[in-house]
Amino acid sequence: MASRHPIWVIVAMAFVTTLGWGSASAQLSTNFYSKSCPNVLSTAKSVVQSAVSKERRMGASLLRLFFHDCFVNGCDGSILLDDTSSFQGEKTAGPNQNSVRGYNVIDQIKSKVESACPGVVSCADIVAIAARDSVVLLGGPSWEVKLGRRDARTASLSRANSGVIPPPTSTLSNLISRFKAQGLSTRDMVALSGSHTIGQARCISFRPRIYNDSNIDSSFSKTRQGKCPRTAGSGDNNLSPLDLQSPTAFDNAYFKNLLSNKGLLHSDQELFNGGTTDSLVKTYSNNPKTFNSDFASAMIKMGDIKPLTGSKGEIRKICSKIN
């Protein structure tokens, strides 16, 4: 039987239906690539495993890469972009230059995934997956990574330099407000700060703390001063572990260190310095299960910061440049 609707009505109805599907599919989900690229998780994991086995610190670097991506215009892979004639990328921003690492690992994952499923998996999602895998490989909790982000077609050096990524000199109120601006609670902020249970920091980041702060264990500060001369410009890039006890194991030792005034960064010790987060630091130092659970929840929330979905952005072929 012939339709009684004129052709333009049928086209309009089809368009509306398509829009409906678009909005439904424009949400992140844990099974986003289950049909389009079913081996993406195992492929990423094997590359991260290889990188972390060669250098344990790389696990911390990949976790930090995700954090520094998400805090600047959302989790959109913008941090991976090199400079172009139309914009300056984020790699040379103050919080990132000579500091953020792991770009090569993301590129390796992308290359392998592109071979299996060309033009399907975003660089932004690969960063999110690599962060989770890194935490698990270093003994931390696992979580199901929500996927379906698309890649930004631009980056912002000025935004990365604007203070949205809290500097190591931050006060507690600055930390709370910076995380709140991203939709993350104070509890999320303290849990995510626990990522400093792995990795290292440069002397330039902790020099003010070890020479000027009074709320620091004296033997701890003396040990750190041995690797970080007082004179600015001298040994700026010398590294020290953020957690002296177990720098390559994801555990709750970071919080125990804070109870003893052994936070390496000023911003670390601010979490336990007579303020509103003291009780939470005590909780995490006594209960690793609570910390692990809260950390996993906060990582999922951080991954939800302003993702590009649907038809926004693109799926980059090479993570360091737009298509």
Protein backbone atom coordinates (compact mmCIF):
# COMPACT_ATOMS: atom_id res chain seq x y z
CA MET A 1 0.00 0.00 0.00
CA ALA A 2 1.39 3.42 -0.98
CA SER A 3 2.26 5.87 1.78
CA ARG A 4 -0.11 8.80 2.18
CA HIS A 5 2.72 11.03 3.51
CA PRO A 6 4.42 13.35 1.01
CA ILE A 7 8.09 12.57 0.46
CA TRP A 8 9.36 15.61 2.48
CA VAL A 9 7.49 14.34 5.57
CA ILE A 10 9.11 10.91 5.26
CA VAL A 11 12.57 12.52 4.89
CA ALA A 12 11.90 14.77 7.90
CA MET A 13 10.78 11.79 10.00
CA ALA A 14 13.90 9.86 9.02
CA PHE A 15 16.06 12.86 9.95
CA VAL A 16 14.43 13.19 13.38
CA THR A 17 14.87 9.45 14.00
CA THR A 18 18.55 9.74 13.08
CA LEU A 19 18.92 12.69 15.45
CA GLY A 20 17.41 10.57 18.19
CA TRP A 21 19.93 7.82 17.58
CA GLY A 22 22.72 10.42 17.51
CA SER A 23 21.87 11.83 20.92
CA ALA A 24 21.49 8.35 22.39
CA SER A 25 24.86 7.26 21.02
CA ALA A 26 26.55 10.51 22.03
CA GLN A 27 27.01 9.21 25.57
CA LEU A 28 30.17 7.53 26.83
CA SER A 29 29.81 3.82 27.53
CA THR A 30 32.08 1.01 28.68
CA ASN A 31 31.25 -1.14 25.63
CA PHE A 32 31.52 1.61 22.99
CA TYR A 33 34.01 -0.33 20.82
CA SER A 34 32.71 -3.85 21.52
CA LYS A 35 31.70 -4.31 17.87
CA SER A 36 33.72 -1.68 16.00
CA CYS A 37 37.12 -2.51 17.59
CA PRO A 38 36.74 -5.44 20.02
CA ASN A 39 40.48 -5.85 20.75
CA VAL A 40 41.23 -2.23 21.63
CA LEU A 41 41.56 -2.90 25.39
CA SER A 42 43.89 -5.89 25.04
CA THR A 43 45.98 -4.07 22.43
CA ALA A 44 46.41 -1.02 24.65
CA LYS A 45 47.18 -3.14 27.70
CA SER A 46 49.99 -5.04 25.97
CA VAL A 47 51.72 -1.79 24.92
CA VAL A 48 51.35 -0.22 28.40
CA GLN A 49 52.58 -3.46 30.00
CA SER A 50 55.70 -3.40 27.84
CA ALA A 51 56.39 0.30 28.53
CA VAL A 52 55.90 -0.01 32.30
CA SER A 53 58.04 -3.15 32.52
CA LYS A 54 60.88 -1.22 30.86
CA GLU A 55 60.40 1.82 33.11
CA ARG A 56 58.06 1.69 36.10
CA ARG A 57 57.86 5.49 36.23
CA MET A 58 56.05 5.46 32.87
CA GLY A 59 52.90 4.25 34.67
CA ALA A 60 52.80 7.48 36.68
CA SER A 61 53.50 9.50 33.54
CA LEU A 62 50.57 7.99 31.63
CA LEU A 63 48.24 8.63 34.57
CA ARG A 64 49.38 12.25 34.72
CA LEU A 65 48.94 12.66 30.97
CA PHE A 66 45.22 11.88 31.39
CA PHE A 67 44.84 14.36 34.24
CA HIS A 68 46.59 17.17 32.33
CA ASP A 69 44.48 16.46 29.25
CA CYS A 70 41.13 16.45 31.06
CA PHE A 71 41.74 19.64 33.05
CA VAL A 72 42.31 21.73 29.89
CA ASN A 73 39.08 21.94 27.85
CA GLY A 74 38.01 18.43 28.83
CA CYS A 75 39.22 14.89 28.02
CA ASP A 76 39.70 15.52 24.31
CA GLY A 77 43.27 14.49 23.52
CA SER A 78 44.25 18.13 22.97
CA ILE A 79 47.43 17.70 25.04
CA LEU A 80 48.79 15.36 22.34
CA LEU A 81 48.71 17.93 19.54
CA ASP A 82 51.89 19.53 18.23
CA ASP A 83 51.95 23.25 17.39
CA THR A 84 50.49 24.29 14.02
CA SER A 85 50.31 27.56 12.08
CA SER A 86 46.84 28.21 13.57
CA PHE A 87 47.42 27.35 17.26
CA GLN A 88 50.09 26.72 19.86
CA GLY A 89 49.66 23.33 21.47
CA GLU A 90 49.70 22.50 25.18
CA LYS A 91 52.94 20.52 25.27
CA THR A 92 55.07 23.62 26.00
CA ALA A 93 52.75 25.03 28.69
CA GLY A 94 54.31 25.54 32.12
CA PRO A 95 52.66 22.50 33.77
CA ASN A 96 53.63 20.25 30.82
CA GLN A 97 57.01 21.25 29.39
CA ASN A 98 59.91 18.99 30.46
CA SER A 99 57.37 17.32 32.71
CA VAL A 100 54.55 15.48 30.92
CA ARG A 101 55.76 12.29 29.24
CA GLY A 102 54.39 9.17 27.60
CA TYR A 103 53.38 10.62 24.23
CA ASN A 104 55.38 7.86 22.51
CA VAL A 105 53.44 5.15 24.35
CA ILE A 106 50.12 6.66 23.24
CA ASP A 107 51.48 6.80 19.67
CA GLN A 108 52.46 3.11 19.83
CA ILE A 109 48.98 2.12 21.01
CA LYS A 110 47.36 4.30 18.33
CA SER A 111 49.51 2.77 15.60
CA LYS A 112 48.54 -0.78 16.57
CA VAL A 113 44.86 0.09 16.98
CA GLU A 114 44.81 1.89 13.61
CA SER A 115 46.17 -1.25 11.94
CA ALA A 116 43.31 -3.30 13.36
CA CYS A 117 40.47 -0.74 13.25
CA PRO A 118 41.33 2.27 11.08
CA GLY A 119 39.61 5.53 12.00
CA VAL A 120 37.57 4.10 14.86
CA VAL A 121 39.28 4.67 18.24
CA SER A 122 40.08 8.21 19.43
CA CYS A 123 43.39 9.29 20.92
CA ALA A 124 41.42 10.76 23.85
CA ASP A 125 40.05 7.29 24.66
CA ILE A 126 43.50 5.72 24.35
CA VAL A 127 44.82 8.18 26.97
CA ALA A 128 41.96 7.19 29.32
CA ILE A 129 42.60 3.46 28.82
CA ALA A 130 46.37 3.80 29.30
CA ALA A 131 45.86 5.67 32.60
CA ARG A 132 43.69 2.85 33.98
CA ASP A 133 46.08 0.13 32.80
CA SER A 134 49.03 1.95 34.37
CA VAL A 135 47.37 2.11 37.78
CA VAL A 136 46.46 -1.59 37.67
CA LEU A 137 49.97 -2.64 36.58
CA LEU A 138 51.48 -0.77 39.55
CA GLY A 139 49.16 -2.53 42.01
CA GLY A 140 46.25 -0.08 42.14
CA PRO A 141 42.50 -0.55 41.63
CA SER A 142 40.81 -1.24 38.32
CA TRP A 143 37.65 0.35 36.91
CA GLU A 144 35.65 0.13 33.72
CA VAL A 145 36.72 2.98 31.46
CA LYS A 146 33.88 4.78 29.75
CA LEU A 147 34.64 5.30 26.05
CA GLY A 148 33.31 7.15 23.04
CA ARG A 149 35.24 10.41 23.30
CA ARG A 150 36.32 12.11 20.10
CA ASP A 151 39.49 14.12 19.51
CA ALA A 152 39.78 17.91 19.58
CA ARG A 153 40.81 19.69 16.40
CA THR A 154 42.59 22.40 18.36
CA ALA A 155 44.56 22.93 21.58
CA SER A 156 45.13 25.90 23.88
CA LEU A 157 48.51 26.91 25.27
CA SER A 158 46.94 29.88 27.09
CA ARG A 159 44.30 27.68 28.72
CA ALA A 160 46.94 25.16 29.85
CA ASN A 161 48.91 28.07 31.35
CA SER A 162 45.88 29.67 33.02
CA GLY A 163 46.12 27.83 36.34
CA VAL A 164 43.33 25.30 35.66
CA ILE A 165 45.96 22.65 36.40
CA PRO A 166 46.76 23.45 40.06
CA PRO A 167 50.47 24.28 40.55
CA PRO A 168 52.57 22.53 43.24
CA THR A 169 52.49 25.76 45.28
CA SER A 170 48.68 25.57 45.62
CA THR A 171 46.86 26.21 48.88
CA LEU A 172 44.09 23.87 50.00
CA SER A 173 41.40 26.37 49.00
CA ASN A 174 42.93 26.66 45.51
CA LEU A 175 43.01 22.87 45.12
CA ILE A 176 39.38 22.57 46.21
CA SER A 177 38.21 25.36 43.88
CA ARG A 178 40.18 24.12 40.85
CA PHE A 179 38.74 20.63 41.17
CA LYS A 180 35.25 21.97 41.88
CA ALA A 181 35.45 23.97 38.63
CA GLN A 182 35.82 20.61 36.84
CA GLY A 183 32.82 19.10 38.64
CA LEU A 184 34.98 17.18 41.13
CA SER A 185 34.30 17.21 44.87
CA THR A 186 36.81 17.78 47.66
CA ARG A 187 36.73 14.03 48.30
CA ASP A 188 37.51 13.39 44.62
CA MET A 189 40.38 15.88 44.84
CA VAL A 190 41.99 14.18 47.85
CA ALA A 191 41.54 10.71 46.32
CA LEU A 192 43.03 11.83 42.99
CA SER A 193 45.94 13.49 44.82
CA GLY A 194 46.74 9.95 45.95
CA SER A 195 48.08 9.38 42.44
CA HIS A 196 51.24 10.95 43.90
CA THR A 197 51.87 7.58 45.51
CA ILE A 198 53.71 6.87 42.24
CA GLY A 199 56.02 8.94 40.08
CA GLN A 200 58.63 11.62 40.57
CA ALA A 201 58.79 15.39 40.73
CA ARG A 202 61.41 17.85 39.53
CA CYS A 203 63.44 19.92 41.97
CA ILE A 204 61.89 23.12 40.58
CA SER A 205 58.49 21.84 41.79
CA PHE A 206 59.47 21.13 45.39
CA ARG A 207 62.37 23.54 46.07
CA PRO A 208 60.15 26.12 47.89
CA ARG A 209 58.71 23.36 50.07
CA ILE A 210 61.98 21.84 51.27
CA TYR A 211 63.67 25.21 52.01
CA ASN A 212 60.79 27.44 53.13
CA ASP A 213 57.97 25.37 54.67
CA SER A 214 57.92 24.81 58.42
CA ASN A 215 55.46 21.89 58.38
CA ILE A 216 58.05 19.44 57.02
CA ASP A 217 59.97 16.63 58.69
CA SER A 218 63.56 17.91 59.12
CA SER A 219 65.35 14.71 58.12
CA PHE A 220 63.05 14.38 55.09
CA SER A 221 63.80 17.94 53.95
CA LYS A 222 67.56 17.43 54.42
CA THR A 223 67.49 14.26 52.31
CA ARG A 224 65.59 16.06 49.55
CA GLN A 225 67.93 19.09 49.70
CA GLY A 226 70.76 16.75 48.75
CA LYS A 227 69.16 16.36 45.31
CA CYS A 228 67.82 19.89 44.98
CA PRO A 229 70.20 22.83 45.58
CA ARG A 230 68.72 26.02 47.00
CA THR A 231 69.92 28.15 44.05
CA ALA A 232 67.28 28.57 41.35
CA GLY A 233 68.47 27.19 38.02
CA SER A 234 70.77 24.68 39.70
CA GLY A 235 69.53 21.11 39.39
CA ASP A 236 66.02 22.26 38.44
CA ASN A 237 65.29 18.98 36.62
CA ASN A 238 66.75 16.65 39.26
CA LEU A 239 64.10 14.11 40.22
CA SER A 240 62.89 12.86 43.58
CA PRO A 241 60.10 10.33 44.24
CA LEU A 242 56.78 11.78 45.35
CA ASP A 243 56.48 8.83 47.74
CA LEU A 244 59.84 7.94 49.25
CA GLN A 245 58.60 4.63 50.65
CA SER A 246 57.24 2.88 47.55
CA PRO A 247 57.61 5.17 44.52
CA THR A 248 56.62 2.54 41.94
CA ALA A 249 53.78 0.87 43.86
CA PHE A 250 50.26 2.25 43.81
CA ASP A 251 49.31 2.10 47.51
CA ASN A 252 48.20 4.40 50.33
CA ALA A 253 51.70 5.25 51.57
CA TYR A 254 51.30 8.78 50.16
CA PHE A 255 48.70 9.54 52.83
CA LYS A 256 50.80 7.98 55.59
CA ASN A 257 53.64 10.27 54.50
CA LEU A 258 51.40 13.32 54.90
CA LEU A 259 50.66 12.34 58.53
CA SER A 260 54.44 12.54 59.15
CA ASN A 261 54.84 15.88 57.31
CA LYS A 262 56.66 14.10 54.48
CA GLY A 263 54.67 15.40 51.53
CA LEU A 264 57.14 16.35 48.80
CA LEU A 265 55.10 19.16 47.22
CA HIS A 266 53.62 22.09 49.15
CA SER A 267 50.24 21.20 47.61
CA ASP A 268 50.57 17.62 48.91
CA GLN A 269 51.09 18.66 52.53
CA GLU A 270 48.20 21.15 52.28
CA LEU A 271 45.87 18.13 52.39
CA PHE A 272 47.03 17.47 55.96
CA ASN A 273 47.78 20.80 57.57
CA GLY A 274 44.97 21.50 60.04
CA GLY A 275 42.33 21.97 57.34
CA THR A 276 39.06 20.38 56.26
CA THR A 277 40.70 17.43 54.50
CA ASP A 278 42.75 16.16 57.47
CA SER A 279 40.17 13.54 58.45
CA LEU A 280 39.99 12.16 54.91
CA VAL A 281 43.80 11.82 54.74
CA LYS A 282 43.63 9.85 58.01
CA THR A 283 40.86 7.64 56.59
CA TYR A 284 42.85 6.84 53.44
CA SER A 285 46.05 6.23 55.41
CA ASN A 286 44.23 3.66 57.58
CA ASN A 287 41.99 2.10 54.95
CA PRO A 288 43.52 1.30 51.54
CA LYS A 289 40.25 -0.24 50.33
CA THR A 290 38.39 3.04 50.85
CA PHE A 291 41.14 4.94 49.06
CA ASN A 292 41.16 2.51 46.11
CA SER A 293 37.38 2.64 45.79
CA ASP A 294 37.23 6.45 45.97
CA PHE A 295 40.15 6.79 43.56
CA ALA A 296 38.48 4.58 40.94
CA SER A 297 35.19 6.51 41.28
CA ALA A 298 37.00 9.85 40.96
CA MET A 299 38.89 8.66 37.86
CA ILE A 300 35.58 7.76 36.20
CA LYS A 301 34.21 11.21 37.09
CA MET A 302 37.32 12.93 35.77
CA GLY A 303 36.94 11.02 32.50
CA ASP A 304 33.48 12.61 32.14
CA ILE A 305 34.87 16.17 31.96
CA LYS A 306 33.49 17.78 28.78
CA PRO A 307 34.10 14.93 26.32
CA LEU A 308 33.53 15.54 22.61
CA THR A 309 30.93 13.05 21.39
CA GLY A 310 28.61 12.42 18.46
CA SER A 311 29.77 14.47 15.48
CA LYS A 312 32.00 16.88 17.44
CA GLY A 313 35.75 16.75 16.90
CA GLU A 314 37.22 13.88 14.91
CA ILE A 315 39.02 10.55 15.19
CA ARG A 316 42.64 11.49 14.56
CA LYS A 317 44.74 9.13 12.46
CA ILE A 318 47.92 10.37 14.18
CA CYS A 319 47.57 11.63 17.74
CA SER A 320 49.96 14.58 17.39
CA LYS A 321 48.18 16.23 14.46
CA ILE A 322 44.67 16.83 13.19
CA ASN A 323 43.51 14.98 10.08
